[in-house]
Amino acid sequence: MLPPILRYIIVLLLVVYSVFVHYNGSFGISVYTYIAAVLVLITTLATGTVFKAFKQINAGEFELAENTLDKTYFPKLLLKKNRANYHFMKGTIELHKKNYEQGDQHLKTALEIGLKTPSNQALAYLNLAHSSFLKGNFTQSKKYLTTGKNLDANLHVLKQIEELENALSAKTN
């Protein structure tokens, strides 16, 4: 996948080439390169660097994923699904860095936008519960765990929820 800056350079080159061809009397050919420039620009704005960062987070490369996500220059223009995943990953990264308030805010934003799969939703609630647990807010942690547990998540996520519930029970007893 090409970095966004390279995609923007491609758009600029396509526009320059289109203008050059257009003013040299071949409007018919320049239309295709104008269209290509618009398509590259739209796909760049709609997808950002979400897919690449997702792979990096799955590999445990949080710092690299953060740098990759920072290259999404216009996150508000991402497609809804990509915008939700963007905030989900930003939240996960912030929690990894122990920036609990910022991480919680990103995860809540991701849930508001609408994470696509129940497993991702449950993971967001699990991360919020863990953050609340670490901050000593056990009541809020329990609420997040209950919400996450009620989702149709995969077994791996449900097992992690159960582990945090056990830790929460041990802490509150």
N, C-alpha and C. Protein backbone atom coordinates (compact mmCIF):
# COMPACT_ATOMS: atom_id res chain seq x y z
N MET A 1 0.84 -1.18 0.00
CA MET A 1 0.00 0.00 0.00
C MET A 1 0.89 1.24 0.00
N LEU A 2 0.57 2.16 -0.86
CA LEU A 2 1.35 3.40 -0.97
C LEU A 2 1.04 4.34 0.18
N PRO A 3 2.06 5.00 0.71
CA PRO A 3 1.82 5.99 1.77
C PRO A 3 0.96 7.13 1.22
N PRO A 4 0.15 7.75 2.08
CA PRO A 4 -0.74 8.83 1.62
C PRO A 4 0.00 9.96 0.92
N ILE A 5 1.16 10.34 1.43
CA ILE A 5 1.88 11.45 0.81
C ILE A 5 2.23 11.12 -0.64
N LEU A 6 2.58 9.87 -0.90
CA LEU A 6 2.88 9.45 -2.27
C LEU A 6 1.62 9.47 -3.12
N ARG A 7 0.50 9.09 -2.53
CA ARG A 7 -0.76 9.13 -3.28
C ARG A 7 -1.14 10.58 -3.62
N TYR A 8 -0.89 11.50 -2.69
CA TYR A 8 -1.18 12.92 -2.97
C TYR A 8 -0.26 13.44 -4.07
N ILE A 9 0.97 13.00 -4.07
CA ILE A 9 1.91 13.40 -5.13
C ILE A 9 1.43 12.87 -6.48
N ILE A 10 0.93 11.63 -6.48
CA ILE A 10 0.39 11.05 -7.72
C ILE A 10 -0.79 11.87 -8.22
N VAL A 11 -1.66 12.27 -7.31
CA VAL A 11 -2.81 13.11 -7.69
C VAL A 11 -2.32 14.42 -8.31
N LEU A 12 -1.35 15.05 -7.67
CA LEU A 12 -0.81 16.30 -8.17
C LEU A 12 -0.21 16.12 -9.56
N LEU A 13 0.57 15.05 -9.74
CA LEU A 13 1.18 14.79 -11.05
C LEU A 13 0.12 14.52 -12.12
N LEU A 14 -0.93 13.78 -11.75
CA LEU A 14 -2.00 13.52 -12.71
C LEU A 14 -2.72 14.81 -13.11
N VAL A 15 -2.94 15.68 -12.14
CA VAL A 15 -3.60 16.96 -12.44
C VAL A 15 -2.71 17.82 -13.33
N VAL A 16 -1.42 17.90 -13.01
CA VAL A 16 -0.49 18.69 -13.82
C VAL A 16 -0.45 18.15 -15.25
N TYR A 17 -0.34 16.83 -15.37
CA TYR A 17 -0.32 16.21 -16.69
C TYR A 17 -1.64 16.48 -17.43
N SER A 18 -2.76 16.37 -16.73
CA SER A 18 -4.07 16.61 -17.35
C SER A 18 -4.19 18.04 -17.87
N VAL A 19 -3.75 18.99 -17.07
CA VAL A 19 -3.80 20.40 -17.47
C VAL A 19 -2.91 20.61 -18.69
N PHE A 20 -1.72 20.04 -18.67
CA PHE A 20 -0.80 20.16 -19.80
C PHE A 20 -1.43 19.60 -21.08
N VAL A 21 -1.97 18.40 -20.98
CA VAL A 21 -2.59 17.76 -22.16
C VAL A 21 -3.83 18.54 -22.60
N HIS A 22 -4.61 19.00 -21.65
CA HIS A 22 -5.83 19.75 -21.95
C HIS A 22 -5.49 21.03 -22.72
N TYR A 23 -4.51 21.77 -22.27
CA TYR A 23 -4.19 23.03 -22.93
C TYR A 23 -3.39 22.86 -24.21
N ASN A 24 -2.96 21.67 -24.49
CA ASN A 24 -2.31 21.39 -25.77
C ASN A 24 -3.30 20.76 -26.76
N GLY A 25 -4.58 20.94 -26.48
CA GLY A 25 -5.61 20.61 -27.45
C GLY A 25 -6.18 19.21 -27.40
N SER A 26 -5.91 18.43 -26.40
CA SER A 26 -6.45 17.08 -26.35
C SER A 26 -7.28 16.89 -25.09
N PHE A 27 -8.42 17.57 -25.07
CA PHE A 27 -9.31 17.49 -23.91
C PHE A 27 -9.81 16.07 -23.69
N GLY A 28 -10.06 15.33 -24.74
CA GLY A 28 -10.59 13.96 -24.63
C GLY A 28 -9.68 13.05 -23.83
N ILE A 29 -8.38 13.16 -24.03
CA ILE A 29 -7.42 12.33 -23.28
C ILE A 29 -7.29 12.83 -21.85
N SER A 30 -7.30 14.14 -21.67
CA SER A 30 -7.11 14.70 -20.32
C SER A 30 -8.27 14.36 -19.39
N VAL A 31 -9.45 14.12 -19.94
CA VAL A 31 -10.60 13.75 -19.09
C VAL A 31 -10.29 12.49 -18.30
N TYR A 32 -9.66 11.52 -18.94
CA TYR A 32 -9.34 10.26 -18.27
C TYR A 32 -8.34 10.45 -17.14
N THR A 33 -7.37 11.31 -17.34
CA THR A 33 -6.40 11.53 -16.27
C THR A 33 -6.98 12.39 -15.16
N TYR A 34 -7.91 13.31 -15.50
CA TYR A 34 -8.63 14.05 -14.45
C TYR A 34 -9.43 13.07 -13.60
N ILE A 35 -10.12 12.14 -14.25
CA ILE A 35 -10.92 11.14 -13.54
C ILE A 35 -10.02 10.27 -12.66
N ALA A 36 -8.89 9.86 -13.19
CA ALA A 36 -7.94 9.05 -12.41
C ALA A 36 -7.47 9.82 -11.17
N ALA A 37 -7.18 11.11 -11.32
CA ALA A 37 -6.74 11.92 -10.19
C ALA A 37 -7.82 12.00 -9.12
N VAL A 38 -9.05 12.20 -9.54
CA VAL A 38 -10.17 12.27 -8.59
C VAL A 38 -10.35 10.94 -7.87
N LEU A 39 -10.26 9.83 -8.60
CA LEU A 39 -10.43 8.51 -7.98
C LEU A 39 -9.33 8.22 -6.96
N VAL A 40 -8.10 8.55 -7.31
CA VAL A 40 -6.99 8.33 -6.37
C VAL A 40 -7.19 9.19 -5.12
N LEU A 41 -7.60 10.44 -5.31
CA LEU A 41 -7.83 11.34 -4.18
C LEU A 41 -8.96 10.82 -3.29
N ILE A 42 -10.06 10.41 -3.88
CA ILE A 42 -11.21 9.92 -3.10
C ILE A 42 -10.83 8.67 -2.31
N THR A 43 -10.16 7.73 -2.94
CA THR A 43 -9.79 6.50 -2.22
C THR A 43 -8.78 6.80 -1.11
N THR A 44 -7.90 7.74 -1.32
CA THR A 44 -6.94 8.12 -0.29
C THR A 44 -7.65 8.73 0.91
N LEU A 45 -8.58 9.62 0.65
CA LEU A 45 -9.31 10.28 1.73
C LEU A 45 -10.26 9.31 2.45
N ALA A 46 -10.83 8.36 1.72
CA ALA A 46 -11.82 7.45 2.29
C ALA A 46 -11.21 6.31 3.09
N THR A 47 -9.97 5.91 2.76
CA THR A 47 -9.38 4.76 3.44
C THR A 47 -8.24 5.12 4.37
N GLY A 48 -7.51 6.17 4.07
CA GLY A 48 -6.40 6.57 4.92
C GLY A 48 -5.37 5.46 5.06
N THR A 49 -4.88 5.26 6.26
CA THR A 49 -3.86 4.24 6.52
C THR A 49 -4.38 3.17 7.48
N VAL A 50 -5.69 3.03 7.54
CA VAL A 50 -6.32 2.15 8.52
C VAL A 50 -5.92 0.69 8.32
N PHE A 51 -5.92 0.20 7.10
CA PHE A 51 -5.62 -1.21 6.86
C PHE A 51 -4.19 -1.56 7.26
N LYS A 52 -3.26 -0.71 6.90
CA LYS A 52 -1.85 -0.95 7.23
C LYS A 52 -1.65 -0.92 8.74
N ALA A 53 -2.25 0.05 9.41
CA ALA A 53 -2.11 0.16 10.87
C ALA A 53 -2.75 -1.04 11.57
N PHE A 54 -3.83 -1.55 11.03
CA PHE A 54 -4.50 -2.71 11.61
C PHE A 54 -3.56 -3.91 11.62
N LYS A 55 -2.86 -4.12 10.53
CA LYS A 55 -1.89 -5.22 10.46
C LYS A 55 -0.76 -5.03 11.47
N GLN A 56 -0.33 -3.79 11.63
CA GLN A 56 0.76 -3.51 12.56
C GLN A 56 0.34 -3.73 14.01
N ILE A 57 -0.89 -3.34 14.34
CA ILE A 57 -1.38 -3.56 15.70
C ILE A 57 -1.52 -5.05 15.97
N ASN A 58 -2.03 -5.79 15.01
CA ASN A 58 -2.15 -7.24 15.18
C ASN A 58 -0.79 -7.90 15.38
N ALA A 59 0.26 -7.30 14.84
CA ALA A 59 1.62 -7.82 15.01
C ALA A 59 2.26 -7.29 16.29
N GLY A 60 1.53 -6.46 17.05
CA GLY A 60 2.06 -5.91 18.30
C GLY A 60 2.99 -4.74 18.12
N GLU A 61 3.00 -4.13 16.94
CA GLU A 61 3.88 -3.00 16.65
C GLU A 61 3.11 -1.69 16.87
N PHE A 62 2.88 -1.35 18.14
CA PHE A 62 2.03 -0.21 18.47
C PHE A 62 2.63 1.13 18.05
N GLU A 63 3.91 1.30 18.25
CA GLU A 63 4.54 2.57 17.87
C GLU A 63 4.51 2.78 16.36
N LEU A 64 4.79 1.72 15.63
CA LEU A 64 4.74 1.79 14.17
C LEU A 64 3.30 2.06 13.69
N ALA A 65 2.34 1.42 14.34
CA ALA A 65 0.93 1.63 13.99
C ALA A 65 0.51 3.07 14.27
N GLU A 66 0.99 3.63 15.37
CA GLU A 66 0.67 5.02 15.69
C GLU A 66 1.23 5.96 14.62
N ASN A 67 2.47 5.72 14.22
CA ASN A 67 3.08 6.53 13.16
C ASN A 67 2.30 6.39 11.86
N THR A 68 1.84 5.19 11.57
CA THR A 68 1.06 4.95 10.35
C THR A 68 -0.27 5.68 10.42
N LEU A 69 -0.97 5.58 11.56
CA LEU A 69 -2.26 6.26 11.70
C LEU A 69 -2.12 7.78 11.65
N ASP A 70 -1.00 8.28 12.12
CA ASP A 70 -0.77 9.73 12.07
C ASP A 70 -0.64 10.25 10.64
N LYS A 71 -0.44 9.34 9.70
CA LYS A 71 -0.37 9.73 8.29
C LYS A 71 -1.74 9.76 7.63
N THR A 72 -2.78 9.50 8.40
CA THR A 72 -4.15 9.73 7.92
C THR A 72 -4.43 11.19 8.26
N TYR A 73 -4.29 12.05 7.27
CA TYR A 73 -4.32 13.48 7.51
C TYR A 73 -5.72 14.05 7.73
N PHE A 74 -6.73 13.37 7.24
CA PHE A 74 -8.11 13.85 7.37
C PHE A 74 -9.02 12.74 7.88
N PRO A 75 -8.91 12.34 9.16
CA PRO A 75 -9.69 11.21 9.67
C PRO A 75 -11.20 11.43 9.60
N LYS A 76 -11.64 12.68 9.60
CA LYS A 76 -13.08 12.93 9.53
C LYS A 76 -13.66 12.60 8.15
N LEU A 77 -12.80 12.47 7.15
CA LEU A 77 -13.26 12.15 5.79
C LEU A 77 -13.24 10.66 5.49
N LEU A 78 -12.78 9.86 6.45
CA LEU A 78 -12.76 8.41 6.24
C LEU A 78 -14.18 7.86 6.13
N LEU A 79 -14.31 6.74 5.43
CA LEU A 79 -15.59 6.05 5.41
C LEU A 79 -15.96 5.68 6.85
N LYS A 80 -17.24 5.54 7.12
CA LYS A 80 -17.72 5.29 8.48
C LYS A 80 -17.00 4.12 9.14
N LYS A 81 -16.91 2.99 8.45
CA LYS A 81 -16.26 1.80 9.01
C LYS A 81 -14.79 2.08 9.29
N ASN A 82 -14.12 2.74 8.38
CA ASN A 82 -12.70 3.06 8.56
C ASN A 82 -12.50 4.07 9.68
N ARG A 83 -13.42 5.02 9.81
CA ARG A 83 -13.33 6.02 10.87
C ARG A 83 -13.49 5.36 12.24
N ALA A 84 -14.43 4.41 12.34
CA ALA A 84 -14.62 3.68 13.60
C ALA A 84 -13.37 2.87 13.93
N ASN A 85 -12.82 2.18 12.94
CA ASN A 85 -11.60 1.40 13.17
C ASN A 85 -10.40 2.29 13.49
N TYR A 86 -10.35 3.46 12.88
CA TYR A 86 -9.29 4.43 13.17
C TYR A 86 -9.31 4.79 14.67
N HIS A 87 -10.49 5.14 15.17
CA HIS A 87 -10.60 5.51 16.58
C HIS A 87 -10.37 4.32 17.50
N PHE A 88 -10.82 3.14 17.08
CA PHE A 88 -10.58 1.93 17.85
C PHE A 88 -9.08 1.69 18.02
N MET A 89 -8.35 1.81 16.92
CA MET A 89 -6.90 1.59 16.98
C MET A 89 -6.19 2.69 17.76
N LYS A 90 -6.62 3.95 17.56
CA LYS A 90 -6.02 5.06 18.31
C LYS A 90 -6.25 4.85 19.81
N GLY A 91 -7.45 4.39 20.17
CA GLY A 91 -7.75 4.12 21.57
C GLY A 91 -6.89 3.01 22.13
N THR A 92 -6.72 1.95 21.37
CA THR A 92 -5.89 0.83 21.80
C THR A 92 -4.44 1.28 22.00
N ILE A 93 -3.96 2.09 21.09
CA ILE A 93 -2.58 2.59 21.19
C ILE A 93 -2.42 3.49 22.42
N GLU A 94 -3.39 4.37 22.64
CA GLU A 94 -3.31 5.28 23.80
C GLU A 94 -3.35 4.49 25.11
N LEU A 95 -4.18 3.46 25.18
CA LEU A 95 -4.22 2.63 26.38
C LEU A 95 -2.90 1.89 26.58
N HIS A 96 -2.32 1.44 25.48
CA HIS A 96 -1.02 0.78 25.55
C HIS A 96 0.05 1.72 26.11
N LYS A 97 -0.09 3.01 25.79
CA LYS A 97 0.86 4.02 26.28
C LYS A 97 0.48 4.53 27.67
N LYS A 98 -0.59 3.95 28.25
CA LYS A 98 -1.10 4.33 29.57
C LYS A 98 -1.71 5.73 29.60
N ASN A 99 -2.17 6.20 28.45
CA ASN A 99 -2.94 7.45 28.36
C ASN A 99 -4.42 7.07 28.41
N TYR A 100 -4.90 6.78 29.61
CA TYR A 100 -6.22 6.17 29.76
C TYR A 100 -7.36 7.08 29.31
N GLU A 101 -7.30 8.34 29.64
CA GLU A 101 -8.40 9.25 29.27
C GLU A 101 -8.53 9.38 27.76
N GLN A 102 -7.39 9.58 27.08
CA GLN A 102 -7.43 9.70 25.62
C GLN A 102 -7.85 8.39 24.98
N GLY A 103 -7.34 7.29 25.51
CA GLY A 103 -7.72 5.98 24.98
C GLY A 103 -9.20 5.71 25.14
N ASP A 104 -9.73 6.02 26.32
CA ASP A 104 -11.16 5.83 26.56
C ASP A 104 -11.99 6.66 25.59
N GLN A 105 -11.57 7.90 25.37
CA GLN A 105 -12.33 8.78 24.47
C GLN A 105 -12.35 8.23 23.05
N HIS A 106 -11.22 7.75 22.57
CA HIS A 106 -11.17 7.19 21.22
C HIS A 106 -12.05 5.93 21.12
N LEU A 107 -12.00 5.08 22.14
CA LEU A 107 -12.81 3.85 22.11
C LEU A 107 -14.30 4.18 22.15
N LYS A 108 -14.68 5.15 22.95
CA LYS A 108 -16.09 5.56 23.01
C LYS A 108 -16.53 6.14 21.66
N THR A 109 -15.66 6.91 21.03
CA THR A 109 -15.96 7.45 19.71
C THR A 109 -16.15 6.33 18.70
N ALA A 110 -15.27 5.32 18.76
CA ALA A 110 -15.39 4.17 17.85
C ALA A 110 -16.72 3.46 18.04
N LEU A 111 -17.14 3.29 19.29
CA LEU A 111 -18.42 2.63 19.56
C LEU A 111 -19.60 3.48 19.09
N GLU A 112 -19.49 4.80 19.25
CA GLU A 112 -20.56 5.70 18.79
C GLU A 112 -20.69 5.66 17.27
N ILE A 113 -19.55 5.66 16.58
CA ILE A 113 -19.57 5.61 15.12
C ILE A 113 -20.14 4.28 14.66
N GLY A 114 -19.73 3.21 15.33
CA GLY A 114 -20.25 1.89 15.02
C GLY A 114 -19.21 0.94 14.49
N LEU A 115 -18.59 0.20 15.40
CA LEU A 115 -17.68 -0.86 14.98
C LEU A 115 -18.50 -1.97 14.34
N LYS A 116 -17.97 -2.55 13.29
CA LYS A 116 -18.75 -3.46 12.46
C LYS A 116 -19.06 -4.80 13.12
N THR A 117 -18.06 -5.43 13.73
CA THR A 117 -18.28 -6.77 14.25
C THR A 117 -18.53 -6.76 15.76
N PRO A 118 -19.32 -7.70 16.24
CA PRO A 118 -19.53 -7.81 17.69
C PRO A 118 -18.22 -8.07 18.45
N SER A 119 -17.30 -8.79 17.83
CA SER A 119 -16.02 -9.05 18.50
C SER A 119 -15.23 -7.76 18.70
N ASN A 120 -15.22 -6.88 17.70
CA ASN A 120 -14.54 -5.59 17.86
C ASN A 120 -15.25 -4.73 18.90
N GLN A 121 -16.57 -4.77 18.91
CA GLN A 121 -17.32 -4.02 19.92
C GLN A 121 -16.99 -4.55 21.32
N ALA A 122 -16.98 -5.88 21.45
CA ALA A 122 -16.66 -6.48 22.75
C ALA A 122 -15.23 -6.14 23.17
N LEU A 123 -14.31 -6.13 22.22
CA LEU A 123 -12.92 -5.75 22.52
C LEU A 123 -12.84 -4.31 23.00
N ALA A 124 -13.61 -3.43 22.38
CA ALA A 124 -13.63 -2.03 22.81
C ALA A 124 -14.15 -1.94 24.25
N TYR A 125 -15.23 -2.67 24.56
CA TYR A 125 -15.76 -2.66 25.92
C TYR A 125 -14.77 -3.29 26.90
N LEU A 126 -14.08 -4.35 26.47
CA LEU A 126 -13.07 -4.97 27.32
C LEU A 126 -11.95 -3.98 27.62
N ASN A 127 -11.49 -3.25 26.62
CA ASN A 127 -10.44 -2.25 26.84
C ASN A 127 -10.91 -1.13 27.75
N LEU A 128 -12.17 -0.71 27.57
CA LEU A 128 -12.72 0.32 28.46
C LEU A 128 -12.82 -0.21 29.89
N ALA A 129 -13.23 -1.47 30.03
CA ALA A 129 -13.33 -2.08 31.36
C ALA A 129 -11.96 -2.19 32.01
N HIS A 130 -10.97 -2.58 31.24
CA HIS A 130 -9.61 -2.70 31.78
C HIS A 130 -9.08 -1.33 32.20
N SER A 131 -9.34 -0.33 31.40
CA SER A 131 -8.92 1.03 31.74
C SER A 131 -9.60 1.49 33.03
N SER A 132 -10.89 1.25 33.15
CA SER A 132 -11.61 1.62 34.38
C SER A 132 -11.07 0.84 35.58
N PHE A 133 -10.77 -0.42 35.37
CA PHE A 133 -10.21 -1.27 36.43
C PHE A 133 -8.89 -0.68 36.92
N LEU A 134 -8.02 -0.30 35.99
CA LEU A 134 -6.72 0.25 36.36
C LEU A 134 -6.85 1.60 37.07
N LYS A 135 -7.92 2.34 36.75
CA LYS A 135 -8.14 3.64 37.39
C LYS A 135 -8.86 3.48 38.73
N GLY A 136 -9.25 2.23 39.07
CA GLY A 136 -9.92 1.98 40.34
C GLY A 136 -11.42 2.18 40.30
N ASN A 137 -11.98 2.38 39.13
CA ASN A 137 -13.43 2.56 38.98
C ASN A 137 -14.05 1.19 38.68
N PHE A 138 -14.22 0.38 39.73
CA PHE A 138 -14.66 -1.00 39.56
C PHE A 138 -16.11 -1.11 39.11
N THR A 139 -16.96 -0.18 39.53
CA THR A 139 -18.37 -0.21 39.12
C THR A 139 -18.48 0.00 37.62
N GLN A 140 -17.77 0.98 37.10
CA GLN A 140 -17.80 1.24 35.65
C GLN A 140 -17.18 0.07 34.89
N SER A 141 -16.13 -0.49 35.43
CA SER A 141 -15.48 -1.64 34.81
C SER A 141 -16.47 -2.79 34.67
N LYS A 142 -17.23 -3.05 35.72
CA LYS A 142 -18.23 -4.13 35.69
C LYS A 142 -19.29 -3.87 34.62
N LYS A 143 -19.72 -2.62 34.49
CA LYS A 143 -20.73 -2.27 33.48
C LYS A 143 -20.21 -2.55 32.07
N TYR A 144 -18.97 -2.14 31.82
CA TYR A 144 -18.38 -2.38 30.50
C TYR A 144 -18.25 -3.88 30.22
N LEU A 145 -17.83 -4.63 31.24
CA LEU A 145 -17.69 -6.07 31.07
C LEU A 145 -19.02 -6.74 30.76
N THR A 146 -20.06 -6.32 31.45
CA THR A 146 -21.39 -6.88 31.22
C THR A 146 -21.86 -6.59 29.81
N THR A 147 -21.65 -5.36 29.36
CA THR A 147 -22.04 -5.00 27.99
C THR A 147 -21.27 -5.82 26.97
N GLY A 148 -19.96 -5.94 27.17
CA GLY A 148 -19.14 -6.71 26.25
C GLY A 148 -19.48 -8.18 26.24
N LYS A 149 -19.82 -8.70 27.41
CA LYS A 149 -20.15 -10.13 27.54
C LYS A 149 -21.45 -10.47 26.81
N ASN A 150 -22.35 -9.53 26.73
CA ASN A 150 -23.65 -9.76 26.10
C ASN A 150 -23.60 -9.72 24.57
N LEU A 151 -22.46 -9.35 24.03
CA LEU A 151 -22.30 -9.31 22.58
C LEU A 151 -21.92 -10.70 22.07
N ASP A 152 -22.17 -10.93 20.82
CA ASP A 152 -21.88 -12.22 20.21
C ASP A 152 -20.43 -12.24 19.71
N ALA A 153 -19.50 -12.15 20.66
CA ALA A 153 -18.08 -12.06 20.32
C ALA A 153 -17.47 -13.45 20.18
N ASN A 154 -16.27 -13.49 19.63
CA ASN A 154 -15.59 -14.78 19.51
C ASN A 154 -15.11 -15.25 20.88
N LEU A 155 -14.76 -16.52 20.96
CA LEU A 155 -14.41 -17.14 22.24
C LEU A 155 -13.17 -16.52 22.87
N HIS A 156 -12.23 -16.11 22.07
CA HIS A 156 -11.00 -15.51 22.59
C HIS A 156 -11.33 -14.23 23.37
N VAL A 157 -12.18 -13.39 22.82
CA VAL A 157 -12.56 -12.14 23.48
C VAL A 157 -13.36 -12.45 24.74
N LEU A 158 -14.29 -13.39 24.65
CA LEU A 158 -15.09 -13.75 25.81
C LEU A 158 -14.22 -14.31 26.95
N LYS A 159 -13.18 -15.05 26.59
CA LYS A 159 -12.26 -15.58 27.60
C LYS A 159 -11.52 -14.43 28.30
N GLN A 160 -11.11 -13.43 27.53
CA GLN A 160 -10.43 -12.27 28.13
C GLN A 160 -11.38 -11.50 29.05
N ILE A 161 -12.64 -11.40 28.65
CA ILE A 161 -13.64 -10.73 29.50
C ILE A 161 -13.79 -11.50 30.80
N GLU A 162 -13.85 -12.82 30.70
CA GLU A 162 -13.98 -13.66 31.89
C GLU A 162 -12.77 -13.49 32.81
N GLU A 163 -11.58 -13.42 32.25
CA GLU A 163 -10.37 -13.24 33.05
C GLU A 163 -10.41 -11.91 33.81
N LEU A 164 -10.85 -10.85 33.13
CA LEU A 164 -10.93 -9.55 33.80
C LEU A 164 -12.04 -9.57 34.85
N GLU A 165 -13.13 -10.29 34.58
CA GLU A 165 -14.19 -10.41 35.59
C GLU A 165 -13.66 -11.10 36.85
N ASN A 166 -12.84 -12.14 36.66
CA ASN A 166 -12.25 -12.84 37.81
C ASN A 166 -11.33 -11.91 38.59
N ALA A 167 -10.53 -11.14 37.88
CA ALA A 167 -9.65 -10.19 38.56
C ALA A 167 -10.45 -9.13 39.29
N LEU A 168 -11.54 -8.69 38.70
CA LEU A 168 -12.41 -7.70 39.31
C LEU A 168 -13.07 -8.26 40.57
N SER A 169 -13.53 -9.51 40.48
CA SER A 169 -14.14 -10.16 41.64
C SER A 169 -13.13 -10.29 42.79
N ALA A 170 -11.91 -10.67 42.47
CA ALA A 170 -10.88 -10.81 43.49
C ALA A 170 -10.55 -9.46 44.14
N LYS A 171 -10.60 -8.41 43.35
CA LYS A 171 -10.26 -7.07 43.84
C LYS A 171 -11.38 -6.50 44.73
N THR A 172 -12.63 -6.80 44.38
CA THR A 172 -13.75 -6.22 45.12
C THR A 172 -14.15 -7.05 46.34
N ASN A 173 -13.66 -8.28 46.43
CA ASN A 173 -14.01 -9.14 47.60
C ASN A 173 -13.02 -8.98 48.71
